[in-house]
Structures are given as structure tokens and as C-alpha cells.
Amino acid sequence: MEPPSIFLRLRNTTDKRLFCVLLDLTDRHRMHAELFPGAYIAAHWAVPAGGAGPITLTLPPNEPVTPGASVTDWLVLLVAEEEFNSDPFSLPACANCPRPGPRRSGYPGSWTGSATSR
């Protein structure tokens, strides 16, 4: 079975050039900016996140691939008029944290999956 993939674009709908960083917060408490570590986006312009191609959604390496298996990631877009460093936002996965329990589906603005290895 081939994992699903998505295309993700960041669109600046303002009249200003904006510096953007896209953070991925995983359900294992990892936070990283690998999808879009930081760049200016011109006014009324769109850029791809995760490179120019599709982003493959995968389970963490220790999560068995079984019917119904899922993980949840939250994407947070940080926007500023001045450039800033995304490195301070990086956090490793929590090795000793309990696995989150079942959740309701359909939270507005949420999606299930992982764009990178955990």
C-alpha cells in the first residue's frame, strides 16, 4: 500500500511582503519547521511548502501500519514583516510521553498524518 500525499501552498493575500515559517507540531510533542523553514513570500503570491512536489504522509517509524492507524499533526503558520530564525522552535519528539488516546475527528483546521519522519 502506498502512503497518501498532499500538495501544500502558502499564499500571501496581503499587499506586503511577509516572512513565513510553517511549524509542524506532532502528537508526539515534536515541533519542526522542515516543511517551510522560513522565507519571504511576495504580496499576492503563493509558494509550495515541503518542496515543489507532493508531501508524503507517513506514520512514525515505530507505529505499525494497520487499518485505521493514524497520527495527528497541527500546522502553525508564523508570519512577520521581518525575518526571524525558526531554529528556536524545534523540539524533539517526547520519548517517554504517553501515546495520545482516541480523538474526535473533524476539528476545524486539523489534518491527520505526518509530512516527515518523526
PDB file of N, CA and C in Angstrom:
ATOM      1  N   MET A   1       0.842  -1.169   0.000  1.00  0.00           N
ATOM      2  CA  MET A   1       0.000   0.000   0.000  1.00  0.00           C
ATOM      3  C   MET A   1       0.895   1.242   0.000  1.00  0.00           C
ATOM      4  N   GLU A   2       0.576   2.191  -0.848  1.00  0.00           N
ATOM      5  CA  GLU A   2       1.346   3.423  -0.945  1.00  0.00           C
ATOM      6  C   GLU A   2       0.740   4.487  -0.033  1.00  0.00           C
ATOM      7  N   PRO A   3       1.581   5.204   0.726  1.00  0.00           N
ATOM      8  CA  PRO A   3       1.036   6.222   1.633  1.00  0.00           C
ATOM      9  C   PRO A   3       0.443   7.396   0.850  1.00  0.00           C
ATOM     10  N   PRO A   4      -0.524   8.082   1.447  1.00  0.00           N
ATOM     11  CA  PRO A   4      -1.125   9.240   0.771  1.00  0.00           C
ATOM     12  C   PRO A   4      -0.147  10.404   0.709  1.00  0.00           C
ATOM     13  N   SER A   5      -0.417  11.318  -0.201  1.00  0.00           N
ATOM     14  CA  SER A   5       0.404  12.525  -0.300  1.00  0.00           C
ATOM     15  C   SER A   5      -0.491  13.727  -0.559  1.00  0.00           C
ATOM     16  N   ILE A   6       0.038  14.899  -0.244  1.00  0.00           N
ATOM     17  CA  ILE A   6      -0.705  16.147  -0.424  1.00  0.00           C
ATOM     18  C   ILE A   6       0.206  17.191  -1.052  1.00  0.00           C
ATOM     19  N   PHE A   7      -0.383  18.217  -1.627  1.00  0.00           N
ATOM     20  CA  PHE A   7       0.332  19.419  -2.037  1.00  0.00           C
ATOM     21  C   PHE A   7      -0.095  20.522  -1.081  1.00  0.00           C
ATOM     22  N   LEU A   8       0.866  21.313  -0.625  1.00  0.00           N
ATOM     23  CA  LEU A   8       0.573  22.365   0.343  1.00  0.00           C
ATOM     24  C   LEU A   8       1.207  23.658  -0.145  1.00  0.00           C
ATOM     25  N   ARG A   9       0.402  24.705  -0.241  1.00  0.00           N
ATOM     26  CA  ARG A   9       0.903  26.015  -0.670  1.00  0.00           C
ATOM     27  C   ARG A   9       0.596  27.048   0.403  1.00  0.00           C
ATOM     28  N   LEU A  10       1.513  28.001   0.534  1.00  0.00           N
ATOM     29  CA  LEU A  10       1.295  29.148   1.409  1.00  0.00           C
ATOM     30  C   LEU A  10       1.015  30.340   0.505  1.00  0.00           C
ATOM     31  N   ARG A  11      -0.083  31.019   0.761  1.00  0.00           N
ATOM     32  CA  ARG A  11      -0.495  32.137  -0.094  1.00  0.00           C
ATOM     33  C   ARG A  11      -0.540  33.415   0.730  1.00  0.00           C
ATOM     34  N   ASN A  12       0.167  34.432   0.257  1.00  0.00           N
ATOM     35  CA  ASN A  12       0.150  35.748   0.883  1.00  0.00           C
ATOM     36  C   ASN A  12      -0.945  36.566   0.202  1.00  0.00           C
ATOM     37  N   THR A  13      -2.014  36.839   0.905  1.00  0.00           N
ATOM     38  CA  THR A  13      -3.143  37.578   0.341  1.00  0.00           C
ATOM     39  C   THR A  13      -3.087  39.065   0.680  1.00  0.00           C
ATOM     40  N   THR A  14      -1.969  39.502   1.277  1.00  0.00           N
ATOM     41  CA  THR A  14      -1.844  40.912   1.671  1.00  0.00           C
ATOM     42  C   THR A  14      -1.108  41.705   0.596  1.00  0.00           C
ATOM     43  N   ASP A  15      -0.982  42.999   0.840  1.00  0.00           N
ATOM     44  CA  ASP A  15      -0.234  43.888  -0.057  1.00  0.00           C
ATOM     45  C   ASP A  15       1.217  44.045   0.387  1.00  0.00           C
ATOM     46  N   LYS A  16       1.655  43.280   1.398  1.00  0.00           N
ATOM     47  CA  LYS A  16       3.021  43.383   1.924  1.00  0.00           C
ATOM     48  C   LYS A  16       3.787  42.090   1.693  1.00  0.00           C
ATOM     49  N   ARG A  17       5.089  42.204   1.564  1.00  0.00           N
ATOM     50  CA  ARG A  17       5.966  41.033   1.559  1.00  0.00           C
ATOM     51  C   ARG A  17       6.064  40.565   3.002  1.00  0.00           C
ATOM     52  N   LEU A  18       5.835  39.256   3.234  1.00  0.00           N
ATOM     53  CA  LEU A  18       5.813  38.721   4.597  1.00  0.00           C
ATOM     54  C   LEU A  18       6.785  37.559   4.737  1.00  0.00           C
ATOM     55  N   PHE A  19       7.427  37.482   5.897  1.00  0.00           N
ATOM     56  CA  PHE A  19       8.310  36.363   6.204  1.00  0.00           C
ATOM     57  C   PHE A  19       7.468  35.302   6.909  1.00  0.00           C
ATOM     58  N   CYS A  20       7.527  34.066   6.406  1.00  0.00           N
ATOM     59  CA  CYS A  20       6.675  32.997   6.936  1.00  0.00           C
ATOM     60  C   CYS A  20       7.497  31.771   7.319  1.00  0.00           C
ATOM     61  N   VAL A  21       7.079  31.114   8.387  1.00  0.00           N
ATOM     62  CA  VAL A  21       7.622  29.833   8.845  1.00  0.00           C
ATOM     63  C   VAL A  21       6.418  28.947   9.127  1.00  0.00           C
ATOM     64  N   LEU A  22       6.459  27.703   8.638  1.00  0.00           N
ATOM     65  CA  LEU A  22       5.373  26.756   8.894  1.00  0.00           C
ATOM     66  C   LEU A  22       5.868  25.704   9.879  1.00  0.00           C
ATOM     67  N   LEU A  23       5.286  25.690  11.069  1.00  0.00           N
ATOM     68  CA  LEU A  23       5.654  24.714  12.095  1.00  0.00           C
ATOM     69  C   LEU A  23       4.729  23.510  12.031  1.00  0.00           C
ATOM     70  N   ASP A  24       5.303  22.332  12.205  1.00  0.00           N
ATOM     71  CA  ASP A  24       4.545  21.079  12.297  1.00  0.00           C
ATOM     72  C   ASP A  24       4.670  20.597  13.731  1.00  0.00           C
ATOM     73  N   LEU A  25       3.544  20.533  14.449  1.00  0.00           N
ATOM     74  CA  LEU A  25       3.506  20.035  15.822  1.00  0.00           C
ATOM     75  C   LEU A  25       2.874  18.656  15.787  1.00  0.00           C
ATOM     76  N   THR A  26       3.613  17.641  16.200  1.00  0.00           N
ATOM     77  CA  THR A  26       3.124  16.269  16.115  1.00  0.00           C
ATOM     78  C   THR A  26       2.454  15.847  17.419  1.00  0.00           C
ATOM     79  N   ASP A  27       1.711  14.756  17.349  1.00  0.00           N
ATOM     80  CA  ASP A  27       1.064  14.251  18.567  1.00  0.00           C
ATOM     81  C   ASP A  27       2.053  13.557  19.490  1.00  0.00           C
ATOM     82  N   ARG A  28       3.300  13.511  19.121  1.00  0.00           N
ATOM     83  CA  ARG A  28       4.373  13.013  19.983  1.00  0.00           C
ATOM     84  C   ARG A  28       5.207  14.178  20.521  1.00  0.00           C
ATOM     85  N   HIS A  29       4.632  15.369  20.436  1.00  0.00           N
ATOM     86  CA  HIS A  29       5.194  16.595  21.011  1.00  0.00           C
ATOM     87  C   HIS A  29       6.455  17.074  20.299  1.00  0.00           C
ATOM     88  N   ARG A  30       6.681  16.602  19.083  1.00  0.00           N
ATOM     89  CA  ARG A  30       7.784  17.123  18.283  1.00  0.00           C
ATOM     90  C   ARG A  30       7.306  18.385  17.577  1.00  0.00           C
ATOM     91  N   MET A  31       8.220  19.348  17.413  1.00  0.00           N
ATOM     92  CA  MET A  31       7.913  20.548  16.653  1.00  0.00           C
ATOM     93  C   MET A  31       9.089  20.821  15.727  1.00  0.00           C
ATOM     94  N   HIS A  32       8.781  21.054  14.447  1.00  0.00           N
ATOM     95  CA  HIS A  32       9.843  21.337  13.479  1.00  0.00           C
ATOM     96  C   HIS A  32       9.303  22.227  12.367  1.00  0.00           C
ATOM     97  N   ALA A  33      10.228  22.828  11.627  1.00  0.00           N
ATOM     98  CA  ALA A  33       9.877  23.724  10.523  1.00  0.00           C
ATOM     99  C   ALA A  33      10.386  23.168   9.197  1.00  0.00           C
ATOM    100  N   GLU A  34      10.454  21.854   9.058  1.00  0.00           N
ATOM    101  CA  GLU A  34      11.017  21.251   7.855  1.00  0.00           C
ATOM    102  C   GLU A  34      10.166  21.484   6.609  1.00  0.00           C
ATOM    103  N   LEU A  35       8.874  21.684   6.762  1.00  0.00           N
ATOM    104  CA  LEU A  35       8.015  21.906   5.598  1.00  0.00           C
ATOM    105  C   LEU A  35       8.244  23.271   4.953  1.00  0.00           C
ATOM    106  N   PHE A  36       8.526  24.273   5.767  1.00  0.00           N
ATOM    107  CA  PHE A  36       8.808  25.621   5.270  1.00  0.00           C
ATOM    108  C   PHE A  36       9.588  26.343   6.367  1.00  0.00           C
ATOM    109  N   PRO A  37      10.948  26.230   6.349  1.00  0.00           N
ATOM    110  CA  PRO A  37      11.767  26.745   7.454  1.00  0.00           C
ATOM    111  C   PRO A  37      11.845  28.264   7.547  1.00  0.00           C
ATOM    112  N   GLY A  38      11.426  28.958   6.538  1.00  0.00           N
ATOM    113  CA  GLY A  38      11.405  30.415   6.610  1.00  0.00           C
ATOM    114  C   GLY A  38      11.850  31.060   5.323  1.00  0.00           C
ATOM    115  N   ALA A  39      11.004  31.932   4.791  1.00  0.00           N
ATOM    116  CA  ALA A  39      11.318  32.695   3.583  1.00  0.00           C
ATOM    117  C   ALA A  39      10.286  33.798   3.438  1.00  0.00           C
ATOM    118  N   TYR A  40      10.675  34.820   2.673  1.00  0.00           N
ATOM    119  CA  TYR A  40       9.718  35.872   2.352  1.00  0.00           C
ATOM    120  C   TYR A  40       8.786  35.383   1.254  1.00  0.00           C
ATOM    121  N   ILE A  41       7.524  35.753   1.365  1.00  0.00           N
ATOM    122  CA  ILE A  41       6.535  35.494   0.324  1.00  0.00           C
ATOM    123  C   ILE A  41       6.043  36.852  -0.153  1.00  0.00           C
ATOM    124  N   ALA A  42       6.168  37.098  -1.449  1.00  0.00           N
ATOM    125  CA  ALA A  42       5.773  38.386  -2.026  1.00  0.00           C
ATOM    126  C   ALA A  42       4.269  38.601  -1.881  1.00  0.00           C
ATOM    127  N   ALA A  43       3.875  39.845  -1.922  1.00  0.00           N
ATOM    128  CA  ALA A  43       2.453  40.189  -1.856  1.00  0.00           C
ATOM    129  C   ALA A  43       1.696  39.500  -2.983  1.00  0.00           C
ATOM    130  N   HIS A  44       0.550  38.940  -2.653  1.00  0.00           N
ATOM    131  CA  HIS A  44      -0.333  38.274  -3.626  1.00  0.00           C
ATOM    132  C   HIS A  44       0.385  37.157  -4.375  1.00  0.00           C
ATOM    133  N   TRP A  45       1.207  36.405  -3.668  1.00  0.00           N
ATOM    134  CA  TRP A  45       1.985  35.326  -4.269  1.00  0.00           C
ATOM    135  C   TRP A  45       1.786  34.057  -3.448  1.00  0.00           C
ATOM    136  N   ALA A  46       2.001  32.900  -4.077  1.00  0.00           N
ATOM    137  CA  ALA A  46       1.903  31.617  -3.375  1.00  0.00           C
ATOM    138  C   ALA A  46       3.182  30.831  -3.611  1.00  0.00           C
ATOM    139  N   VAL A  47       3.599  30.078  -2.605  1.00  0.00           N
ATOM    140  CA  VAL A  47       4.798  29.239  -2.709  1.00  0.00           C
ATOM    141  C   VAL A  47       4.468  27.853  -2.164  1.00  0.00           C
ATOM    142  N   PRO A  48       5.141  26.811  -2.694  1.00  0.00           N
ATOM    143  CA  PRO A  48       4.886  25.465  -2.173  1.00  0.00           C
ATOM    144  C   PRO A  48       5.603  25.249  -0.843  1.00  0.00           C
ATOM    145  N   ALA A  49       4.993  24.503   0.038  1.00  0.00           N
ATOM    146  CA  ALA A  49       5.641  24.058   1.274  1.00  0.00           C
ATOM    147  C   ALA A  49       6.090  22.623   1.067  1.00  0.00           C
ATOM    148  N   GLY A  50       7.176  22.245   1.693  1.00  0.00           N
ATOM    149  CA  GLY A  50       7.669  20.880   1.557  1.00  0.00           C
ATOM    150  C   GLY A  50       8.352  20.615   0.238  1.00  0.00           C
ATOM    151  N   GLY A  51       8.816  21.644  -0.451  1.00  0.00           N
ATOM    152  CA  GLY A  51       9.420  21.473  -1.761  1.00  0.00           C
ATOM    153  C   GLY A  51       8.374  21.635  -2.841  1.00  0.00           C
ATOM    154  N   ALA A  52       8.775  21.450  -4.062  1.00  0.00           N
ATOM    155  CA  ALA A  52       7.866  21.682  -5.189  1.00  0.00           C
ATOM    156  C   ALA A  52       6.945  20.496  -5.457  1.00  0.00           C
ATOM    157  N   GLY A  53       7.253  19.342  -4.891  1.00  0.00           N
ATOM    158  CA  GLY A  53       6.464  18.148  -5.173  1.00  0.00           C
ATOM    159  C   GLY A  53       5.505  17.800  -4.060  1.00  0.00           C
ATOM    160  N   PRO A  54       4.898  16.634  -4.150  1.00  0.00           N
ATOM    161  CA  PRO A  54       3.942  16.212  -3.122  1.00  0.00           C
ATOM    162  C   PRO A  54       4.638  15.893  -1.794  1.00  0.00           C
ATOM    163  N   ILE A  55       3.906  16.062  -0.706  1.00  0.00           N
ATOM    164  CA  ILE A  55       4.381  15.724   0.640  1.00  0.00           C
ATOM    165  C   ILE A  55       3.761  14.377   0.994  1.00  0.00           C
ATOM    166  N   THR A  56       4.601  13.388   1.266  1.00  0.00           N
ATOM    167  CA  THR A  56       4.113  12.060   1.623  1.00  0.00           C
ATOM    168  C   THR A  56       3.765  12.022   3.102  1.00  0.00           C
ATOM    169  N   LEU A  57       2.582  11.544   3.418  1.00  0.00           N
ATOM    170  CA  LEU A  57       2.120  11.431   4.803  1.00  0.00           C
ATOM    171  C   LEU A  57       2.424  10.019   5.288  1.00  0.00           C
ATOM    172  N   THR A  58       3.189   9.923   6.363  1.00  0.00           N
ATOM    173  CA  THR A  58       3.610   8.615   6.872  1.00  0.00           C
ATOM    174  C   THR A  58       3.342   8.513   8.374  1.00  0.00           C
ATOM    175  N   LEU A  59       3.324   7.297   8.845  1.00  0.00           N
ATOM    176  CA  LEU A  59       3.263   7.045  10.282  1.00  0.00           C
ATOM    177  C   LEU A  59       4.680   7.094  10.838  1.00  0.00           C
ATOM    178  N   PRO A  60       4.831   7.351  12.138  1.00  0.00           N
ATOM    179  CA  PRO A  60       6.158   7.309  12.749  1.00  0.00           C
ATOM    180  C   PRO A  60       6.774   5.922  12.574  1.00  0.00           C
ATOM    181  N   PRO A  61       8.111   5.815  12.583  1.00  0.00           N
ATOM    182  CA  PRO A  61       8.767   4.526  12.353  1.00  0.00           C
ATOM    183  C   PRO A  61       8.316   3.407  13.290  1.00  0.00           C
ATOM    184  N   ASN A  62       7.965   3.723  14.540  1.00  0.00           N
ATOM    185  CA  ASN A  62       7.573   2.681  15.500  1.00  0.00           C
ATOM    186  C   ASN A  62       6.069   2.418  15.520  1.00  0.00           C
ATOM    187  N   GLU A  63       5.310   3.081  14.643  1.00  0.00           N
ATOM    188  CA  GLU A  63       3.856   2.903  14.584  1.00  0.00           C
ATOM    189  C   GLU A  63       3.532   1.866  13.510  1.00  0.00           C
ATOM    190  N   PRO A  64       2.909   0.741  13.886  1.00  0.00           N
ATOM    191  CA  PRO A  64       2.600  -0.282  12.880  1.00  0.00           C
ATOM    192  C   PRO A  64       1.570   0.208  11.860  1.00  0.00           C
ATOM    193  N   VAL A  65       1.766  -0.199  10.622  1.00  0.00           N
ATOM    194  CA  VAL A  65       0.818   0.148   9.563  1.00  0.00           C
ATOM    195  C   VAL A  65      -0.320  -0.860   9.611  1.00  0.00           C
ATOM    196  N   THR A  66      -1.439  -0.427  10.177  1.00  0.00           N
ATOM    197  CA  THR A  66      -2.622  -1.278  10.313  1.00  0.00           C
ATOM    198  C   THR A  66      -3.839  -0.481   9.849  1.00  0.00           C
ATOM    199  N   PRO A  67      -4.916  -1.154   9.469  1.00  0.00           N
ATOM    200  CA  PRO A  67      -6.124  -0.416   9.078  1.00  0.00           C
ATOM    201  C   PRO A  67      -6.578   0.504  10.211  1.00  0.00           C
ATOM    202  N   GLY A  68      -6.817   1.752   9.867  1.00  0.00           N
ATOM    203  CA  GLY A  68      -7.282   2.729  10.849  1.00  0.00           C
ATOM    204  C   GLY A  68      -6.189   3.417  11.640  1.00  0.00           C
ATOM    205  N   ALA A  69      -4.925   3.018  11.447  1.00  0.00           N
ATOM    206  CA  ALA A  69      -3.830   3.674  12.175  1.00  0.00           C
ATOM    207  C   ALA A  69      -3.766   5.138  11.753  1.00  0.00           C
ATOM    208  N   SER A  70      -3.527   6.016  12.714  1.00  0.00           N
ATOM    209  CA  SER A  70      -3.445   7.437  12.386  1.00  0.00           C
ATOM    210  C   SER A  70      -2.608   8.169  13.420  1.00  0.00           C
ATOM    211  N   VAL A  71      -2.136   9.317  13.017  1.00  0.00           N
ATOM    212  CA  VAL A  71      -1.474  10.257  13.909  1.00  0.00           C
ATOM    213  C   VAL A  71      -2.050  11.627  13.572  1.00  0.00           C
ATOM    214  N   THR A  72      -1.851  12.582  14.463  1.00  0.00           N
ATOM    215  CA  THR A  72      -2.370  13.924  14.223  1.00  0.00           C
ATOM    216  C   THR A  72      -1.236  14.923  14.322  1.00  0.00           C
ATOM    217  N   ASP A  73      -1.146  15.778  13.326  1.00  0.00           N
ATOM    218  CA  ASP A  73      -0.199  16.890  13.326  1.00  0.00           C
ATOM    219  C   ASP A  73      -0.995  18.185  13.229  1.00  0.00           C
ATOM    220  N   TRP A  74      -0.476  19.236  13.865  1.00  0.00           N
ATOM    221  CA  TRP A  74      -1.074  20.554  13.767  1.00  0.00           C
ATOM    222  C   TRP A  74      -0.071  21.437  13.049  1.00  0.00           C
ATOM    223  N   LEU A  75      -0.528  22.184  12.076  1.00  0.00           N
ATOM    224  CA  LEU A  75       0.330  23.118  11.356  1.00  0.00           C
ATOM    225  C   LEU A  75       0.064  24.519  11.872  1.00  0.00           C
ATOM    226  N   VAL A  76       1.156  25.230  12.195  1.00  0.00           N
ATOM    227  CA  VAL A  76       1.059  26.593  12.708  1.00  0.00           C
ATOM    228  C   VAL A  76       1.896  27.483  11.798  1.00  0.00           C
ATOM    229  N   LEU A  77       1.287  28.482  11.225  1.00  0.00           N
ATOM    230  CA  LEU A  77       1.989  29.415  10.349  1.00  0.00           C
ATOM    231  C   LEU A  77       2.360  30.656  11.147  1.00  0.00           C
ATOM    232  N   LEU A  78       3.665  30.930  11.228  1.00  0.00           N
ATOM    233  CA  LEU A  78       4.163  32.144  11.882  1.00  0.00           C
ATOM    234  C   LEU A  78       4.474  33.155  10.788  1.00  0.00           C
ATOM    235  N   VAL A  79       3.987  34.379  10.946  1.00  0.00           N
ATOM    236  CA  VAL A  79       4.132  35.413   9.919  1.00  0.00           C
ATOM    237  C   VAL A  79       4.654  36.681  10.574  1.00  0.00           C
ATOM    238  N   ALA A  80       5.632  37.325   9.906  1.00  0.00           N
ATOM    239  CA  ALA A  80       6.185  38.579  10.406  1.00  0.00           C
ATOM    240  C   ALA A  80       6.623  39.439   9.221  1.00  0.00           C
ATOM    241  N   GLU A  81       6.790  40.709   9.473  1.00  0.00           N
ATOM    242  CA  GLU A  81       7.298  41.598   8.427  1.00  0.00           C
ATOM    243  C   GLU A  81       8.813  41.540   8.354  1.00  0.00           C
ATOM    244  N   GLU A  82       9.463  41.110   9.432  1.00  0.00           N
ATOM    245  CA  GLU A  82      10.925  40.991   9.479  1.00  0.00           C
ATOM    246  C   GLU A  82      11.327  39.527   9.568  1.00  0.00           C
ATOM    247  N   GLU A  83      12.475  39.198   9.021  1.00  0.00           N
ATOM    248  CA  GLU A  83      12.983  37.828   9.053  1.00  0.00           C
ATOM    249  C   GLU A  83      13.331  37.411  10.483  1.00  0.00           C
ATOM    250  N   PHE A  84      13.094  36.139  10.817  1.00  0.00           N
ATOM    251  CA  PHE A  84      13.473  35.589  12.119  1.00  0.00           C
ATOM    252  C   PHE A  84      13.939  34.157  11.923  1.00  0.00           C
ATOM    253  N   ASN A  85      14.618  33.626  12.926  1.00  0.00           N
ATOM    254  CA  ASN A  85      15.187  32.291  12.871  1.00  0.00           C
ATOM    255  C   ASN A  85      14.182  31.278  13.416  1.00  0.00           C
ATOM    256  N   SER A  86      13.927  30.207  12.658  1.00  0.00           N
ATOM    257  CA  SER A  86      12.970  29.190  13.109  1.00  0.00           C
ATOM    258  C   SER A  86      13.609  28.136  14.016  1.00  0.00           C
ATOM    259  N   ASP A  87      14.931  28.109  14.135  1.00  0.00           N
ATOM    260  CA  ASP A  87      15.602  27.087  14.956  1.00  0.00           C
ATOM    261  C   ASP A  87      15.113  27.014  16.402  1.00  0.00           C
ATOM    262  N   PRO A  88      14.850  28.137  17.089  1.00  0.00           N
ATOM    263  CA  PRO A  88      14.392  28.039  18.477  1.00  0.00           C
ATOM    264  C   PRO A  88      13.045  27.321  18.647  1.00  0.00           C
ATOM    265  N   PHE A  89      12.311  27.141  17.575  1.00  0.00           N
ATOM    266  CA  PHE A  89      11.011  26.478  17.665  1.00  0.00           C
ATOM    267  C   PHE A  89      11.112  24.958  17.554  1.00  0.00           C
ATOM    268  N   SER A  90      12.300  24.441  17.232  1.00  0.00           N
ATOM    269  CA  SER A  90      12.471  22.996  17.047  1.00  0.00           C
ATOM    270  C   SER A  90      12.535  22.278  18.391  1.00  0.00           C
ATOM    271  N   LEU A  91      11.739  21.208  18.506  1.00  0.00           N
ATOM    272  CA  LEU A  91      11.739  20.363  19.698  1.00  0.00           C
ATOM    273  C   LEU A  91      11.728  18.904  19.253  1.00  0.00           C
ATOM    274  N   PRO A  92      12.462  18.024  19.942  1.00  0.00           N
ATOM    275  CA  PRO A  92      12.438  16.603  19.581  1.00  0.00           C
ATOM    276  C   PRO A  92      11.141  15.948  20.059  1.00  0.00           C
ATOM    277  N   ALA A  93      10.864  14.782  19.502  1.00  0.00           N
ATOM    278  CA  ALA A  93       9.715  14.003  19.971  1.00  0.00           C
ATOM    279  C   ALA A  93       9.950  13.604  21.419  1.00  0.00           C
ATOM    280  N   CYS A  94       8.895  13.470  22.163  1.00  0.00           N
ATOM    281  CA  CYS A  94       8.970  13.085  23.568  1.00  0.00           C
ATOM    282  C   CYS A  94       8.973  11.556  23.654  1.00  0.00           C
ATOM    283  N   ALA A  95      10.114  10.989  24.006  1.00  0.00           N
ATOM    284  CA  ALA A  95      10.246   9.533  24.041  1.00  0.00           C
ATOM    285  C   ALA A  95       9.422   8.893  25.156  1.00  0.00           C
ATOM    286  N   ASN A  96       9.260   9.564  26.285  1.00  0.00           N
ATOM    287  CA  ASN A  96       8.568   8.978  27.433  1.00  0.00           C
ATOM    288  C   ASN A  96       7.134   9.451  27.599  1.00  0.00           C
ATOM    289  N   CYS A  97       6.639  10.228  26.660  1.00  0.00           N
ATOM    290  CA  CYS A  97       5.264  10.724  26.762  1.00  0.00           C
ATOM    291  C   CYS A  97       4.291   9.632  26.325  1.00  0.00           C
ATOM    292  N   PRO A  98       3.165   9.520  27.017  1.00  0.00           N
ATOM    293  CA  PRO A  98       2.190   8.508  26.609  1.00  0.00           C
ATOM    294  C   PRO A  98       1.595   8.848  25.247  1.00  0.00           C
ATOM    295  N   ARG A  99       1.247   7.801  24.523  1.00  0.00           N
ATOM    296  CA  ARG A  99       0.596   7.972  23.211  1.00  0.00           C
ATOM    297  C   ARG A  99      -0.772   8.583  23.447  1.00  0.00           C
ATOM    298  N   PRO A 100      -1.130   9.636  22.692  1.00  0.00           N
ATOM    299  CA  PRO A 100      -2.459  10.235  22.878  1.00  0.00           C
ATOM    300  C   PRO A 100      -3.565   9.215  22.637  1.00  0.00           C
ATOM    301  N   GLY A 101      -4.658   9.363  23.367  1.00  0.00           N
ATOM    302  CA  GLY A 101      -5.800   8.477  23.210  1.00  0.00           C
ATOM    303  C   GLY A 101      -6.637   8.845  22.002  1.00  0.00           C
ATOM    304  N   PRO A 102      -7.738   8.146  21.813  1.00  0.00           N
ATOM    305  CA  PRO A 102      -8.618   8.438  20.673  1.00  0.00           C
ATOM    306  C   PRO A 102      -9.145   9.861  20.734  1.00  0.00           C
ATOM    307  N   ARG A 103      -9.337  10.448  19.558  1.00  0.00           N
ATOM    308  CA  ARG A 103      -9.832  11.817  19.464  1.00  0.00           C
ATOM    309  C   ARG A 103     -11.059  11.854  18.574  1.00  0.00           C
ATOM    310  N   ARG A 104     -11.847  12.887  18.775  1.00  0.00           N
ATOM    311  CA  ARG A 104     -12.921  13.144  17.826  1.00  0.00           C
ATOM    312  C   ARG A 104     -12.289  13.584  16.524  1.00  0.00           C
ATOM    313  N   SER A 105     -12.897  13.254  15.422  1.00  0.00           N
ATOM    314  CA  SER A 105     -12.406  13.753  14.144  1.00  0.00           C
ATOM    315  C   SER A 105     -13.156  15.024  13.785  1.00  0.00           C
ATOM    316  N   GLY A 106     -12.636  15.739  12.827  1.00  0.00           N
ATOM    317  CA  GLY A 106     -13.334  16.903  12.318  1.00  0.00           C
ATOM    318  C   GLY A 106     -13.043  18.206  13.019  1.00  0.00           C
ATOM    319  N   TYR A 107     -11.925  18.316  13.742  1.00  0.00           N
ATOM    320  CA  TYR A 107     -11.564  19.607  14.306  1.00  0.00           C
ATOM    321  C   TYR A 107     -11.297  20.573  13.161  1.00  0.00           C
ATOM    322  N   PRO A 108     -11.853  21.760  13.178  1.00  0.00           N
ATOM    323  CA  PRO A 108     -11.600  22.710  12.096  1.00  0.00           C
ATOM    324  C   PRO A 108     -10.106  23.017  11.994  1.00  0.00           C
ATOM    325  N   GLY A 109      -9.584  22.964  10.791  1.00  0.00           N
ATOM    326  CA  GLY A 109      -8.182  23.307  10.562  1.00  0.00           C
ATOM    327  C   GLY A 109      -7.215  22.209  10.905  1.00  0.00           C
ATOM    328  N   SER A 110      -7.666  21.016  11.242  1.00  0.00           N
ATOM    329  CA  SER A 110      -6.738  19.944  11.590  1.00  0.00           C
ATOM    330  C   SER A 110      -6.693  18.909  10.482  1.00  0.00           C
ATOM    331  N   TRP A 111      -5.610  18.163  10.423  1.00  0.00           N
ATOM    332  CA  TRP A 111      -5.485  17.075   9.464  1.00  0.00           C
ATOM    333  C   TRP A 111      -4.706  15.970  10.139  1.00  0.00           C
ATOM    334  N   THR A 112      -4.848  14.778   9.659  1.00  0.00           N
ATOM    335  CA  THR A 112      -4.188  13.639  10.245  1.00  0.00           C
ATOM    336  C   THR A 112      -3.085  13.178   9.313  1.00  0.00           C
ATOM    337  N   GLY A 113      -1.923  12.921   9.875  1.00  0.00           N
ATOM    338  CA  GLY A 113      -0.800  12.459   9.066  1.00  0.00           C
ATOM    339  C   GLY A 113       0.489  13.058   9.552  1.00  0.00           C
ATOM    340  N   SER A 114       1.543  12.768   8.859  1.00  0.00           N
ATOM    341  CA  SER A 114       2.851  13.317   9.160  1.00  0.00           C
ATOM    342  C   SER A 114       3.558  13.555   7.853  1.00  0.00           C
ATOM    343  N   ALA A 115       4.129  14.695   7.724  1.00  0.00           N
ATOM    344  CA  ALA A 115       4.802  15.033   6.469  1.00  0.00           C
ATOM    345  C   ALA A 115       6.256  14.608   6.471  1.00  0.00           C
ATOM    346  N   THR A 116       6.806  14.273   7.600  1.00  0.00           N
ATOM    347  CA  THR A 116       8.211  13.893   7.682  1.00  0.00           C
ATOM    348  C   THR A 116       8.348  12.775   8.710  1.00  0.00           C
ATOM    349  N   SER A 117       9.512  12.164   8.753  1.00  0.00           N
ATOM    350  CA  SER A 117       9.739  11.130   9.756  1.00  0.00           C
ATOM    351  C   SER A 117       9.802  11.768  11.127  1.00  0.00           C
ATOM    352  N   ARG A 118       9.458  11.025  12.114  1.00  0.00           N
ATOM    353  CA  ARG A 118       9.416  11.554  13.478  1.00  0.00           C
ATOM    354  C   ARG A 118      10.639  11.101  14.218  1.00  0.00           C
TER     355      ARG A 118
END
